[in-house]
Amino acid sequence: MRQFCKISVAQYESDLLSVVNSLILSINETDLHFIKSGACNASCIRFSLVKLLRRSGYDAAVCATKWQGSGKVPGGDHEYVDVVNYNSSGTSERLIIDIDFRSHFEIARAVESYDRILNSLPVIYVGSLTRLEQFLQIMVEAARSSLKQNSMPLPPWRSLAYLLAKWQSPYQRRDEQNNGRTNFLDHKQCSEHLKRLQSLLQSEMEVKPIKIDNNRRRKAEQRRRHHL
């Protein structure tokens, strides 16, 4: 748990996270009408978020990755959002937004300590690839330890190489979704996904102010003792 505290967050990332959380909470079920043909898998939520981010002046897009299996790493595909931040020096930084972050680390028969770590992860990840890699390394080791206690091996789809492939593989960037046939079942699943995501976000945002206030009180008490 302490390891997470060491993963620093840049101010721009923190500000963007606040914006993303607010925009996700503002999305209505009726906004999820651009459904691609086939399984949507919350793609409509990502494109709705991108639309709102671009309206707010961000260079945002949905990124789709796909990779072939190699060795013990299975092939797969993934979809996430990115925002390109252009600095005054002329350089740019790419930030990753994953709206279903915790799902990447769910494992069978998780021990209590692993569940605590999993639930301490942000509901939505917003940050650099470098910081993302730090989270992945920590979670893979925690998953391996949890599974080992149940005499279970780490499955290939929870390995570090597989997880890295989701965000490090070559990607296609799109800011508009193709109109496809609307599948009512897919749309219903995405509506439920949105409600669940918003509920988790609201719970997270309610807890954070309490933690911040407690930290401030703790620091104030430490300063008071120091002066004594």
C-alpha atoms as a PDB file:
ATOM      1  CA  MET A   1       0.000   0.000   0.000  1.00  0.00           C
ATOM      2  CA  ARG A   2       2.808   2.410   0.858  1.00  0.00           C
ATOM      3  CA  GLN A   3       4.276   1.944  -2.602  1.00  0.00           C
ATOM      4  CA  PHE A   4       1.332   3.811  -4.141  1.00  0.00           C
ATOM      5  CA  CYS A   5       2.162   6.894  -2.081  1.00  0.00           C
ATOM      6  CA  LYS A   6       5.572   7.039  -3.757  1.00  0.00           C
ATOM      7  CA  ILE A   7       4.066   7.314  -7.248  1.00  0.00           C
ATOM      8  CA  SER A   8       4.021  11.078  -7.683  1.00  0.00           C
ATOM      9  CA  VAL A   9       1.363  12.839  -9.746  1.00  0.00           C
ATOM     10  CA  ALA A  10       2.148  15.916 -11.850  1.00  0.00           C
ATOM     11  CA  GLN A  11      -0.165  18.907 -11.417  1.00  0.00           C
ATOM     12  CA  TYR A  12      -1.402  18.696 -15.023  1.00  0.00           C
ATOM     13  CA  GLU A  13      -2.338  15.039 -14.508  1.00  0.00           C
ATOM     14  CA  SER A  14      -4.158  15.890 -11.295  1.00  0.00           C
ATOM     15  CA  ASP A  15      -6.072  18.711 -12.997  1.00  0.00           C
ATOM     16  CA  LEU A  16      -6.955  16.500 -15.965  1.00  0.00           C
ATOM     17  CA  LEU A  17      -8.196  13.756 -13.625  1.00  0.00           C
ATOM     18  CA  SER A  18     -10.586  16.240 -11.998  1.00  0.00           C
ATOM     19  CA  VAL A  19     -11.852  17.298 -15.428  1.00  0.00           C
ATOM     20  CA  VAL A  20     -12.301  13.684 -16.572  1.00  0.00           C
ATOM     21  CA  ASN A  21     -14.172  12.723 -13.403  1.00  0.00           C
ATOM     22  CA  SER A  22     -16.526  15.697 -13.778  1.00  0.00           C
ATOM     23  CA  LEU A  23     -17.169  14.926 -17.448  1.00  0.00           C
ATOM     24  CA  ILE A  24     -17.866  11.241 -16.785  1.00  0.00           C
ATOM     25  CA  LEU A  25     -20.392  12.215 -14.111  1.00  0.00           C
ATOM     26  CA  SER A  26     -22.043  14.597 -16.591  1.00  0.00           C
ATOM     27  CA  ILE A  27     -22.636  11.915 -19.256  1.00  0.00           C
ATOM     28  CA  ASN A  28     -26.257  10.807 -19.548  1.00  0.00           C
ATOM     29  CA  GLU A  29     -27.548   7.488 -20.789  1.00  0.00           C
ATOM     30  CA  THR A  30     -29.022   9.316 -23.787  1.00  0.00           C
ATOM     31  CA  ASP A  31     -25.501  10.418 -24.807  1.00  0.00           C
ATOM     32  CA  LEU A  32     -24.566   6.808 -25.558  1.00  0.00           C
ATOM     33  CA  HIS A  33     -26.227   6.655 -28.970  1.00  0.00           C
ATOM     34  CA  PHE A  34     -23.139   6.200 -31.171  1.00  0.00           C
ATOM     35  CA  ILE A  35     -22.794   2.444 -30.969  1.00  0.00           C
ATOM     36  CA  LYS A  36     -20.398   0.597 -33.266  1.00  0.00           C
ATOM     37  CA  SER A  37     -21.552  -2.633 -34.862  1.00  0.00           C
ATOM     38  CA  GLY A  38     -20.810  -5.685 -32.750  1.00  0.00           C
ATOM     39  CA  ALA A  39     -19.901  -5.668 -29.077  1.00  0.00           C
ATOM     40  CA  CYS A  40     -19.508  -2.115 -27.813  1.00  0.00           C
ATOM     41  CA  ASN A  41     -17.554  -2.845 -24.606  1.00  0.00           C
ATOM     42  CA  ALA A  42     -18.105   0.718 -23.325  1.00  0.00           C
ATOM     43  CA  SER A  43     -16.654   2.228 -26.510  1.00  0.00           C
ATOM     44  CA  CYS A  44     -19.616   4.628 -26.589  1.00  0.00           C
ATOM     45  CA  ILE A  45     -18.638   5.934 -23.132  1.00  0.00           C
ATOM     46  CA  ARG A  46     -15.066   6.567 -24.301  1.00  0.00           C
ATOM     47  CA  PHE A  47     -16.203   8.430 -27.410  1.00  0.00           C
ATOM     48  CA  SER A  48     -18.653  10.495 -25.347  1.00  0.00           C
ATOM     49  CA  LEU A  49     -15.780  11.405 -23.024  1.00  0.00           C
ATOM     50  CA  VAL A  50     -13.533  12.314 -25.970  1.00  0.00           C
ATOM     51  CA  LYS A  51     -16.271  14.508 -27.436  1.00  0.00           C
ATOM     52  CA  LEU A  52     -16.588  16.409 -24.149  1.00  0.00           C
ATOM     53  CA  LEU A  53     -12.812  16.697 -23.708  1.00  0.00           C
ATOM     54  CA  ARG A  54     -12.375  18.120 -27.214  1.00  0.00           C
ATOM     55  CA  ARG A  55     -15.145  20.631 -26.532  1.00  0.00           C
ATOM     56  CA  SER A  56     -13.141  21.657 -23.467  1.00  0.00           C
ATOM     57  CA  GLY A  57     -10.064  22.296 -25.615  1.00  0.00           C
ATOM     58  CA  TYR A  58      -8.146  19.042 -25.100  1.00  0.00           C
ATOM     59  CA  ASP A  59      -6.509  17.083 -27.930  1.00  0.00           C
ATOM     60  CA  ALA A  60      -8.243  13.834 -26.980  1.00  0.00           C
ATOM     61  CA  ALA A  61      -8.944  10.654 -28.940  1.00  0.00           C
ATOM     62  CA  VAL A  62      -9.881   7.005 -28.545  1.00  0.00           C
ATOM     63  CA  CYS A  63      -6.889   4.725 -29.101  1.00  0.00           C
ATOM     64  CA  ALA A  64      -7.307   1.133 -30.268  1.00  0.00           C
ATOM     65  CA  THR A  65      -4.456  -1.352 -29.890  1.00  0.00           C
ATOM     66  CA  LYS A  66      -4.119  -4.897 -31.200  1.00  0.00           C
ATOM     67  CA  TRP A  67      -1.174  -7.254 -30.832  1.00  0.00           C
ATOM     68  CA  GLN A  68      -0.219 -10.773 -31.855  1.00  0.00           C
ATOM     69  CA  GLY A  69       0.603 -13.457 -29.323  1.00  0.00           C
ATOM     70  CA  SER A  70       4.281 -14.105 -28.734  1.00  0.00           C
ATOM     71  CA  GLY A  71       5.738 -16.818 -26.532  1.00  0.00           C
ATOM     72  CA  LYS A  72       3.782 -16.917 -23.282  1.00  0.00           C
ATOM     73  CA  VAL A  73       2.029 -13.622 -24.026  1.00  0.00           C
ATOM     74  CA  PRO A  74      -1.405 -14.115 -25.644  1.00  0.00           C
ATOM     75  CA  GLY A  75      -2.585 -11.822 -28.415  1.00  0.00           C
ATOM     76  CA  GLY A  76      -5.328  -9.341 -27.690  1.00  0.00           C
ATOM     77  CA  ASP A  77      -6.760  -5.882 -28.177  1.00  0.00           C
ATOM     78  CA  HIS A  78      -7.621  -2.906 -26.014  1.00  0.00           C
ATOM     79  CA  GLU A  79      -9.240   0.507 -26.242  1.00  0.00           C
ATOM     80  CA  TYR A  80      -8.517   3.563 -24.126  1.00  0.00           C
ATOM     81  CA  VAL A  81      -8.457   7.361 -24.342  1.00  0.00           C
ATOM     82  CA  ASP A  82      -5.418   9.599 -24.616  1.00  0.00           C
ATOM     83  CA  VAL A  83      -4.814  13.341 -24.319  1.00  0.00           C
ATOM     84  CA  VAL A  84      -1.804  15.042 -25.898  1.00  0.00           C
ATOM     85  CA  ASN A  85      -0.505  17.919 -23.793  1.00  0.00           C
ATOM     86  CA  TYR A  86       1.563  20.455 -25.748  1.00  0.00           C
ATOM     87  CA  ASN A  87       4.170  22.237 -23.633  1.00  0.00           C
ATOM     88  CA  SER A  88       5.374  25.822 -24.087  1.00  0.00           C
ATOM     89  CA  SER A  89       8.805  24.448 -25.055  1.00  0.00           C
ATOM     90  CA  GLY A  90       7.306  22.918 -28.194  1.00  0.00           C
ATOM     91  CA  THR A  91       7.356  19.350 -26.904  1.00  0.00           C
ATOM     92  CA  SER A  92       4.315  17.220 -26.148  1.00  0.00           C
ATOM     93  CA  GLU A  93       3.351  14.599 -23.599  1.00  0.00           C
ATOM     94  CA  ARG A  94       0.802  11.864 -24.081  1.00  0.00           C
ATOM     95  CA  LEU A  95      -1.431  11.030 -21.110  1.00  0.00           C
ATOM     96  CA  ILE A  96      -3.449   7.831 -20.825  1.00  0.00           C
ATOM     97  CA  ILE A  97      -7.064   7.679 -19.627  1.00  0.00           C
ATOM     98  CA  ASP A  98      -8.500   4.252 -18.817  1.00  0.00           C
ATOM     99  CA  ILE A  99     -12.093   4.310 -17.588  1.00  0.00           C
ATOM    100  CA  ASP A 100     -12.141   0.695 -16.404  1.00  0.00           C
ATOM    101  CA  PHE A 101      -8.759   0.559 -14.690  1.00  0.00           C
ATOM    102  CA  ARG A 102      -9.414  -1.879 -11.843  1.00  0.00           C
ATOM    103  CA  SER A 103     -10.834  -4.570 -14.150  1.00  0.00           C
ATOM    104  CA  HIS A 104      -7.359  -5.216 -15.583  1.00  0.00           C
ATOM    105  CA  PHE A 105      -6.212  -6.619 -12.233  1.00  0.00           C
ATOM    106  CA  GLU A 106      -9.143  -8.765 -11.110  1.00  0.00           C
ATOM    107  CA  ILE A 107      -8.058 -12.298 -10.182  1.00  0.00           C
ATOM    108  CA  ALA A 108      -9.713 -15.464  -8.898  1.00  0.00           C
ATOM    109  CA  ARG A 109      -9.879 -16.176  -5.162  1.00  0.00           C
ATOM    110  CA  ALA A 110      -8.057 -12.975  -4.245  1.00  0.00           C
ATOM    111  CA  VAL A 111      -6.862 -12.730  -0.643  1.00  0.00           C
ATOM    112  CA  GLU A 112      -8.107  -9.868   1.522  1.00  0.00           C
ATOM    113  CA  SER A 113      -4.877  -7.868   1.283  1.00  0.00           C
ATOM    114  CA  TYR A 114      -5.030  -7.986  -2.530  1.00  0.00           C
ATOM    115  CA  ASP A 115      -8.620  -6.759  -2.553  1.00  0.00           C
ATOM    116  CA  ARG A 116      -7.568  -3.824  -0.390  1.00  0.00           C
ATOM    117  CA  ILE A 117      -4.819  -2.898  -2.854  1.00  0.00           C
ATOM    118  CA  LEU A 118      -7.191  -3.336  -5.810  1.00  0.00           C
ATOM    119  CA  ASN A 119      -9.802  -1.081  -4.222  1.00  0.00           C
ATOM    120  CA  SER A 120      -7.142   1.549  -3.487  1.00  0.00           C
ATOM    121  CA  LEU A 121      -6.502   1.972  -7.227  1.00  0.00           C
ATOM    122  CA  PRO A 122      -8.124   4.954  -8.931  1.00  0.00           C
ATOM    123  CA  VAL A 123     -11.480   4.164 -10.525  1.00  0.00           C
ATOM    124  CA  ILE A 124     -10.262   5.941 -13.673  1.00  0.00           C
ATOM    125  CA  TYR A 125      -6.549   6.058 -14.465  1.00  0.00           C
ATOM    126  CA  VAL A 126      -5.263   9.385 -15.784  1.00  0.00           C
ATOM    127  CA  GLY A 127      -1.517   9.775 -16.192  1.00  0.00           C
ATOM    128  CA  SER A 128       1.662   9.091 -18.098  1.00  0.00           C
ATOM    129  CA  LEU A 129       2.784   5.731 -19.450  1.00  0.00           C
ATOM    130  CA  THR A 130       5.712   5.835 -17.021  1.00  0.00           C
ATOM    131  CA  ARG A 131       3.441   6.129 -14.001  1.00  0.00           C
ATOM    132  CA  LEU A 132       1.122   3.496 -15.467  1.00  0.00           C
ATOM    133  CA  GLU A 133       4.030   1.049 -15.700  1.00  0.00           C
ATOM    134  CA  GLN A 134       4.721   1.579 -11.996  1.00  0.00           C
ATOM    135  CA  PHE A 135       1.135   0.646 -11.160  1.00  0.00           C
ATOM    136  CA  LEU A 136       1.339  -2.426 -13.401  1.00  0.00           C
ATOM    137  CA  GLN A 137       4.545  -3.685 -11.782  1.00  0.00           C
ATOM    138  CA  ILE A 138       3.081  -3.299  -8.287  1.00  0.00           C
ATOM    139  CA  MET A 139      -0.190  -5.017  -9.206  1.00  0.00           C
ATOM    140  CA  VAL A 140       1.481  -7.945 -10.965  1.00  0.00           C
ATOM    141  CA  GLU A 141       3.636  -8.658  -7.912  1.00  0.00           C
ATOM    142  CA  ALA A 142       0.609  -8.322  -5.625  1.00  0.00           C
ATOM    143  CA  ALA A 143      -1.419 -10.667  -7.855  1.00  0.00           C
ATOM    144  CA  ARG A 144       1.398 -13.219  -7.962  1.00  0.00           C
ATOM    145  CA  SER A 145       1.633 -13.154  -4.158  1.00  0.00           C
ATOM    146  CA  SER A 146      -2.139 -13.513  -3.729  1.00  0.00           C
ATOM    147  CA  LEU A 147      -2.393 -16.408  -6.176  1.00  0.00           C
ATOM    148  CA  LYS A 148       0.623 -18.129  -4.626  1.00  0.00           C
ATOM    149  CA  GLN A 149      -1.185 -18.228  -1.269  1.00  0.00           C
ATOM    150  CA  ASN A 150      -3.888 -20.270  -3.006  1.00  0.00           C
ATOM    151  CA  SER A 151      -1.325 -22.433  -4.859  1.00  0.00           C
ATOM    152  CA  MET A 152      -2.374 -20.896  -8.162  1.00  0.00           C
ATOM    153  CA  PRO A 153      -0.074 -19.669 -10.964  1.00  0.00           C
ATOM    154  CA  LEU A 154      -0.248 -16.176 -12.444  1.00  0.00           C
ATOM    155  CA  PRO A 155      -2.355 -16.464 -15.636  1.00  0.00           C
ATOM    156  CA  PRO A 156      -0.756 -15.155 -18.865  1.00  0.00           C
ATOM    157  CA  TRP A 157      -3.392 -12.400 -19.196  1.00  0.00           C
ATOM    158  CA  ARG A 158      -2.287 -10.969 -15.842  1.00  0.00           C
ATOM    159  CA  SER A 159       1.426 -11.016 -16.656  1.00  0.00           C
ATOM    160  CA  LEU A 160       3.338  -7.748 -16.906  1.00  0.00           C
ATOM    161  CA  ALA A 161       4.113  -8.324 -20.600  1.00  0.00           C
ATOM    162  CA  TYR A 162       0.422  -8.797 -21.450  1.00  0.00           C
ATOM    163  CA  LEU A 163      -0.672  -5.766 -19.447  1.00  0.00           C
ATOM    164  CA  LEU A 164       2.031  -3.571 -20.995  1.00  0.00           C
ATOM    165  CA  ALA A 165       0.900  -4.667 -24.466  1.00  0.00           C
ATOM    166  CA  LYS A 166      -2.496  -3.048 -23.863  1.00  0.00           C
ATOM    167  CA  TRP A 167      -1.029   0.447 -23.730  1.00  0.00           C
ATOM    168  CA  GLN A 168       2.399   0.095 -25.373  1.00  0.00           C
ATOM    169  CA  SER A 169       1.322  -1.621 -28.601  1.00  0.00           C
ATOM    170  CA  PRO A 170       0.957   0.416 -31.816  1.00  0.00           C
ATOM    171  CA  TYR A 171      -2.375   2.237 -31.760  1.00  0.00           C
ATOM    172  CA  GLN A 172      -4.892   3.900 -34.054  1.00  0.00           C
ATOM    173  CA  ARG A 173      -6.199   7.251 -32.833  1.00  0.00           C
ATOM    174  CA  ARG A 174      -9.779   8.352 -33.580  1.00  0.00           C
ATOM    175  CA  ASP A 175     -11.875  11.235 -32.267  1.00  0.00           C
ATOM    176  CA  GLU A 176     -15.152  10.272 -33.938  1.00  0.00           C
ATOM    177  CA  GLN A 177     -17.003   6.991 -33.766  1.00  0.00           C
ATOM    178  CA  ASN A 178     -18.339   5.249 -36.846  1.00  0.00           C
ATOM    179  CA  ASN A 179     -22.103   4.925 -36.895  1.00  0.00           C
ATOM    180  CA  GLY A 180     -23.048   1.288 -36.739  1.00  0.00           C
ATOM    181  CA  ARG A 181     -26.159  -0.718 -36.077  1.00  0.00           C
ATOM    182  CA  THR A 182     -27.444  -0.175 -32.585  1.00  0.00           C
ATOM    183  CA  ASN A 183     -27.679  -3.402 -30.624  1.00  0.00           C
ATOM    184  CA  PHE A 184     -30.116  -2.900 -27.754  1.00  0.00           C
ATOM    185  CA  LEU A 185     -28.402  -5.468 -25.534  1.00  0.00           C
ATOM    186  CA  ASP A 186     -24.973  -3.858 -26.034  1.00  0.00           C
ATOM    187  CA  HIS A 187     -26.454  -0.428 -25.381  1.00  0.00           C
ATOM    188  CA  LYS A 188     -28.134  -1.662 -22.189  1.00  0.00           C
ATOM    189  CA  GLN A 189     -24.848  -3.153 -20.970  1.00  0.00           C
ATOM    190  CA  CYS A 190     -23.062   0.150 -21.614  1.00  0.00           C
ATOM    191  CA  SER A 191     -25.780   2.069 -19.758  1.00  0.00           C
ATOM    192  CA  GLU A 192     -25.301  -0.234 -16.772  1.00  0.00           C
ATOM    193  CA  HIS A 193     -21.530   0.174 -17.111  1.00  0.00           C
ATOM    194  CA  LEU A 194     -21.907   3.966 -17.056  1.00  0.00           C
ATOM    195  CA  LYS A 195     -24.116   3.864 -13.945  1.00  0.00           C
ATOM    196  CA  ARG A 196     -21.648   1.579 -12.159  1.00  0.00           C
ATOM    197  CA  LEU A 197     -18.710   3.785 -13.173  1.00  0.00           C
ATOM    198  CA  GLN A 198     -20.458   6.943 -11.981  1.00  0.00           C
ATOM    199  CA  SER A 199     -21.393   5.295  -8.678  1.00  0.00           C
ATOM    200  CA  LEU A 200     -17.774   4.218  -8.062  1.00  0.00           C
ATOM    201  CA  LEU A 201     -16.525   7.699  -8.967  1.00  0.00           C
ATOM    202  CA  GLN A 202     -18.935   9.390  -6.582  1.00  0.00           C
ATOM    203  CA  SER A 203     -17.871   7.057  -3.771  1.00  0.00           C
ATOM    204  CA  GLU A 204     -14.202   7.744  -4.515  1.00  0.00           C
ATOM    205  CA  MET A 205     -14.736  11.506  -4.550  1.00  0.00           C
ATOM    206  CA  GLU A 206     -16.601  11.364  -1.223  1.00  0.00           C
ATOM    207  CA  VAL A 207     -13.719   9.500   0.435  1.00  0.00           C
ATOM    208  CA  LYS A 208     -10.900  11.694  -0.926  1.00  0.00           C
ATOM    209  CA  PRO A 209     -11.872  14.956   0.847  1.00  0.00           C
ATOM    210  CA  ILE A 210     -11.941  13.065   4.162  1.00  0.00           C
ATOM    211  CA  LYS A 211      -8.439  11.722   3.526  1.00  0.00           C
ATOM    212  CA  ILE A 212      -7.162  15.167   2.530  1.00  0.00           C
ATOM    213  CA  ASP A 213      -8.670  16.772   5.646  1.00  0.00           C
ATOM    214  CA  ASN A 214      -7.168  14.059   7.841  1.00  0.00           C
ATOM    215  CA  ASN A 215      -3.745  14.591   6.249  1.00  0.00           C
ATOM    216  CA  ARG A 216      -3.986  18.341   6.809  1.00  0.00           C
ATOM    217  CA  ARG A 217      -4.923  17.833  10.467  1.00  0.00           C
ATOM    218  CA  ARG A 218      -2.056  15.368  10.907  1.00  0.00           C
ATOM    219  CA  LYS A 219       0.468  17.802   9.395  1.00  0.00           C
ATOM    220  CA  ALA A 220      -0.877  20.677  11.500  1.00  0.00           C
ATOM    221  CA  GLU A 221      -0.533  18.557  14.631  1.00  0.00           C
ATOM    222  CA  GLN A 222       3.046  17.639  13.669  1.00  0.00           C
ATOM    223  CA  ARG A 223       3.912  21.320  13.164  1.00  0.00           C
ATOM    224  CA  ARG A 224       2.330  22.206  16.525  1.00  0.00           C
ATOM    225  CA  ARG A 225       4.364  19.521  18.307  1.00  0.00           C
ATOM    226  CA  HIS A 226       7.522  20.676  16.556  1.00  0.00           C
ATOM    227  CA  HIS A 227       7.051  24.234  17.867  1.00  0.00           C
ATOM    228  CA  LEU A 228       6.456  22.902  21.374  1.00  0.00           C
END
